[in-house]
C-alpha atoms as a PDB file:
ATOM      1  CA  MET A   1      -8.010   1.550   6.472  1.00  0.00           C
ATOM      2  CA  GLU A   2      -4.890   0.574   7.427  1.00  0.00           C
ATOM      3  CA  GLU A   3      -2.008   2.388   6.683  1.00  0.00           C
ATOM      4  CA  ARG A   4      -0.158  -0.303   4.343  1.00  0.00           C
ATOM      5  CA  GLU A   5      -3.517  -0.680   2.249  1.00  0.00           C
ATOM      6  CA  LEU A   6      -3.871   3.309   1.489  1.00  0.00           C
ATOM      7  CA  ALA A   7      -0.033   3.541   0.826  1.00  0.00           C
ATOM      8  CA  ASN A   8      -0.823   1.121  -2.158  1.00  0.00           C
ATOM      9  CA  ILE A   9      -3.709   2.598  -3.124  1.00  0.00           C
ATOM     10  CA  ILE A  10      -2.139   6.199  -3.314  1.00  0.00           C
ATOM     11  CA  SER A  11       0.806   3.902  -5.248  1.00  0.00           C
ATOM     12  CA  GLU A  12      -2.070   2.773  -7.633  1.00  0.00           C
ATOM     13  CA  ILE A  13      -3.410   6.232  -8.220  1.00  0.00           C
ATOM     14  CA  LEU A  14      -0.232   7.957  -9.101  1.00  0.00           C
ATOM     15  CA  ASP A  15       0.821   4.860 -11.231  1.00  0.00           C
ATOM     16  CA  ALA A  16      -2.502   5.399 -13.488  1.00  0.00           C
ATOM     17  CA  LYS A  17      -1.604   8.979 -13.893  1.00  0.00           C
ATOM     18  CA  LYS A  18       2.033   8.016 -15.169  1.00  0.00           C
ATOM     19  CA  GLY A  19       3.826   8.907 -11.758  1.00  0.00           C
ATOM     20  CA  ILE A  20       7.715   7.964 -12.419  1.00  0.00           C
ATOM     21  CA  ASP A  21       9.356   5.562 -10.237  1.00  0.00           C
ATOM     22  CA  ILE A  22       6.740   5.050  -7.594  1.00  0.00           C
ATOM     23  CA  GLN A  23       8.190   3.691  -3.957  1.00  0.00           C
ATOM     24  CA  ILE A  24       6.753   2.987  -1.130  1.00  0.00           C
ATOM     25  CA  ILE A  25       8.996   3.234   1.908  1.00  0.00           C
ATOM     26  CA  ASP A  26       8.398   1.258   5.200  1.00  0.00           C
ATOM     27  CA  LEU A  27       9.048   3.688   8.255  1.00  0.00           C
ATOM     28  CA  GLU A  28       7.520   1.342  10.857  1.00  0.00           C
ATOM     29  CA  GLY A  29       9.331   1.654  13.995  1.00  0.00           C
ATOM     30  CA  LYS A  30      11.859   3.684  12.634  1.00  0.00           C
ATOM     31  CA  THR A  31       9.936   7.312  13.410  1.00  0.00           C
ATOM     32  CA  ILE A  32       6.912   8.632  14.700  1.00  0.00           C
ATOM     33  CA  ILE A  33       6.354  10.759  11.524  1.00  0.00           C
ATOM     34  CA  ALA A  34       4.424   8.234   9.665  1.00  0.00           C
ATOM     35  CA  ASP A  35       4.236   4.541   9.127  1.00  0.00           C
ATOM     36  CA  TYR A  36       4.875   4.999   5.069  1.00  0.00           C
ATOM     37  CA  PHE A  37       5.999   7.370   2.705  1.00  0.00           C
ATOM     38  CA  VAL A  38       4.998   6.875  -0.943  1.00  0.00           C
ATOM     39  CA  ILE A  39       7.413   8.844  -3.158  1.00  0.00           C
ATOM     40  CA  ALA A  40       6.994   9.295  -6.739  1.00  0.00           C
ATOM     41  CA  THR A  41       8.636  11.753  -9.376  1.00  0.00           C
ATOM     42  CA  GLY A  42       6.370  14.042 -12.055  1.00  0.00           C
ATOM     43  CA  ASN A  43       8.191  15.416 -15.264  1.00  0.00           C
ATOM     44  CA  SER A  44       7.034  18.982 -14.917  1.00  0.00           C
ATOM     45  CA  LYS A  45       5.106  21.069 -12.473  1.00  0.00           C
ATOM     46  CA  PRO A  46       1.929  20.595 -14.138  1.00  0.00           C
ATOM     47  CA  HIS A  47       2.305  16.952 -13.682  1.00  0.00           C
ATOM     48  CA  ILE A  48       3.351  16.835 -10.453  1.00  0.00           C
ATOM     49  CA  ARG A  49       0.077  18.859  -9.441  1.00  0.00           C
ATOM     50  CA  SER A  50      -2.120  16.904 -11.555  1.00  0.00           C
ATOM     51  CA  LEU A  51      -0.578  13.695  -9.655  1.00  0.00           C
ATOM     52  CA  THR A  52      -1.241  15.096  -5.980  1.00  0.00           C
ATOM     53  CA  GLU A  53      -4.946  16.323  -7.326  1.00  0.00           C
ATOM     54  CA  GLU A  54      -5.933  13.106  -8.313  1.00  0.00           C
ATOM     55  CA  VAL A  55      -4.765  11.678  -5.281  1.00  0.00           C
ATOM     56  CA  GLU A  56      -6.671  14.103  -3.470  1.00  0.00           C
ATOM     57  CA  ILE A  57      -9.914  13.679  -5.487  1.00  0.00           C
ATOM     58  CA  LYS A  58      -9.793  10.080  -5.724  1.00  0.00           C
ATOM     59  CA  LEU A  59      -8.842   9.261  -1.736  1.00  0.00           C
ATOM     60  CA  ARG A  60     -11.964  12.062  -1.095  1.00  0.00           C
ATOM     61  CA  ASP A  61     -14.430  10.564  -3.556  1.00  0.00           C
ATOM     62  CA  GLU A  62     -13.718   7.171  -3.221  1.00  0.00           C
ATOM     63  CA  TYR A  63     -12.790   6.490   0.204  1.00  0.00           C
ATOM     64  CA  LYS A  64     -13.788   9.453   1.864  1.00  0.00           C
ATOM     65  CA  ILE A  65     -10.366  10.296   3.359  1.00  0.00           C
ATOM     66  CA  GLU A  66      -8.978  13.756   3.389  1.00  0.00           C
ATOM     67  CA  PRO A  67      -5.395  15.045   3.763  1.00  0.00           C
ATOM     68  CA  LEU A  68      -4.525  16.616   7.356  1.00  0.00           C
ATOM     69  CA  HIS A  69      -2.041  18.906   5.490  1.00  0.00           C
ATOM     70  CA  ILE A  70      -0.571  19.861   1.909  1.00  0.00           C
ATOM     71  CA  GLU A  71       2.950  21.630   1.230  1.00  0.00           C
ATOM     72  CA  GLY A  72       4.213  22.934  -1.601  1.00  0.00           C
ATOM     73  CA  ARG A  73       1.399  23.528  -3.890  1.00  0.00           C
ATOM     74  CA  ASP A  74       2.891  27.056  -4.991  1.00  0.00           C
ATOM     75  CA  SER A  75       6.092  25.659  -6.000  1.00  0.00           C
ATOM     76  CA  GLY A  76       5.116  22.642  -7.624  1.00  0.00           C
ATOM     77  CA  ARG A  77       8.519  20.877  -7.512  1.00  0.00           C
ATOM     78  CA  TRP A  78       8.058  19.095  -4.243  1.00  0.00           C
ATOM     79  CA  ILE A  79       4.269  18.618  -2.934  1.00  0.00           C
ATOM     80  CA  LEU A  80       3.785  16.730   0.078  1.00  0.00           C
ATOM     81  CA  MET A  81       0.285  15.496   1.478  1.00  0.00           C
ATOM     82  CA  ASP A  82      -0.042  14.183   4.855  1.00  0.00           C
ATOM     83  CA  TYR A  83      -2.717  11.379   5.360  1.00  0.00           C
ATOM     84  CA  GLY A  84      -1.409  10.648   8.923  1.00  0.00           C
ATOM     85  CA  GLY A  85       0.078   7.126   8.821  1.00  0.00           C
ATOM     86  CA  VAL A  86       1.134   7.978   5.219  1.00  0.00           C
ATOM     87  CA  ILE A  87       2.878  10.923   3.695  1.00  0.00           C
ATOM     88  CA  LEU A  88       2.975  11.281   0.077  1.00  0.00           C
ATOM     89  CA  HIS A  89       5.841  13.259  -1.792  1.00  0.00           C
ATOM     90  CA  VAL A  90       5.798  13.785  -5.229  1.00  0.00           C
ATOM     91  CA  PHE A  91       8.739  15.415  -6.632  1.00  0.00           C
ATOM     92  CA  HIS A  92      10.531  17.095  -9.613  1.00  0.00           C
ATOM     93  CA  GLU A  93      13.377  14.745 -10.717  1.00  0.00           C
ATOM     94  CA  GLU A  94      16.067  17.390  -9.649  1.00  0.00           C
ATOM     95  CA  ASP A  95      14.547  17.593  -6.260  1.00  0.00           C
ATOM     96  CA  ARG A  96      13.848  14.024  -5.455  1.00  0.00           C
ATOM     97  CA  ASN A  97      17.906  13.221  -6.536  1.00  0.00           C
ATOM     98  CA  PHE A  98      19.117  15.929  -4.328  1.00  0.00           C
ATOM     99  CA  TYR A  99      16.736  15.295  -0.969  1.00  0.00           C
ATOM    100  CA  SER A 100      17.372  11.442  -1.656  1.00  0.00           C
ATOM    101  CA  LEU A 101      14.909  10.276   1.084  1.00  0.00           C
ATOM    102  CA  GLU A 102      15.025   6.514  -0.466  1.00  0.00           C
ATOM    103  CA  LYS A 103      18.819   6.655   1.174  1.00  0.00           C
ATOM    104  CA  LEU A 104      17.797   8.700   4.147  1.00  0.00           C
ATOM    105  CA  TRP A 105      15.352   5.997   5.173  1.00  0.00           C
ATOM    106  CA  GLN A 106      17.008   2.906   3.405  1.00  0.00           C
ATOM    107  CA  SER A 107      14.032   2.294   1.674  1.00  0.00           C
ATOM    108  CA  ARG A 108      12.370  -1.199   0.476  1.00  0.00           C
ATOM    109  CA  ARG A 109       9.952  -1.731  -2.229  1.00  0.00           C
ATOM    110  CA  ILE A 110       6.738  -3.022  -1.187  1.00  0.00           C
END
């Protein structure tokens, strides 16, 4: 599966679980970290955990894709899931505003 398609699938999963302000940032040619960031906001720690768990379950069960690494589950305020060419960031609103990844990477909606 191509990275852009994976980013779109992750975005759709988040949208179905009521993720807030979902954005896909195209990083191709800008960094070796990943080709895309998917960024979303959850309205509480349980919501953030629920969003990331849903992505993990759907990608595993429907597409046989496992994350390479997951960070932040203990705090639940910013959970990062690394899928190689696509990295998912699910933030609490305050943390998303503070780190402002969209501004850092000069986002554009896809």
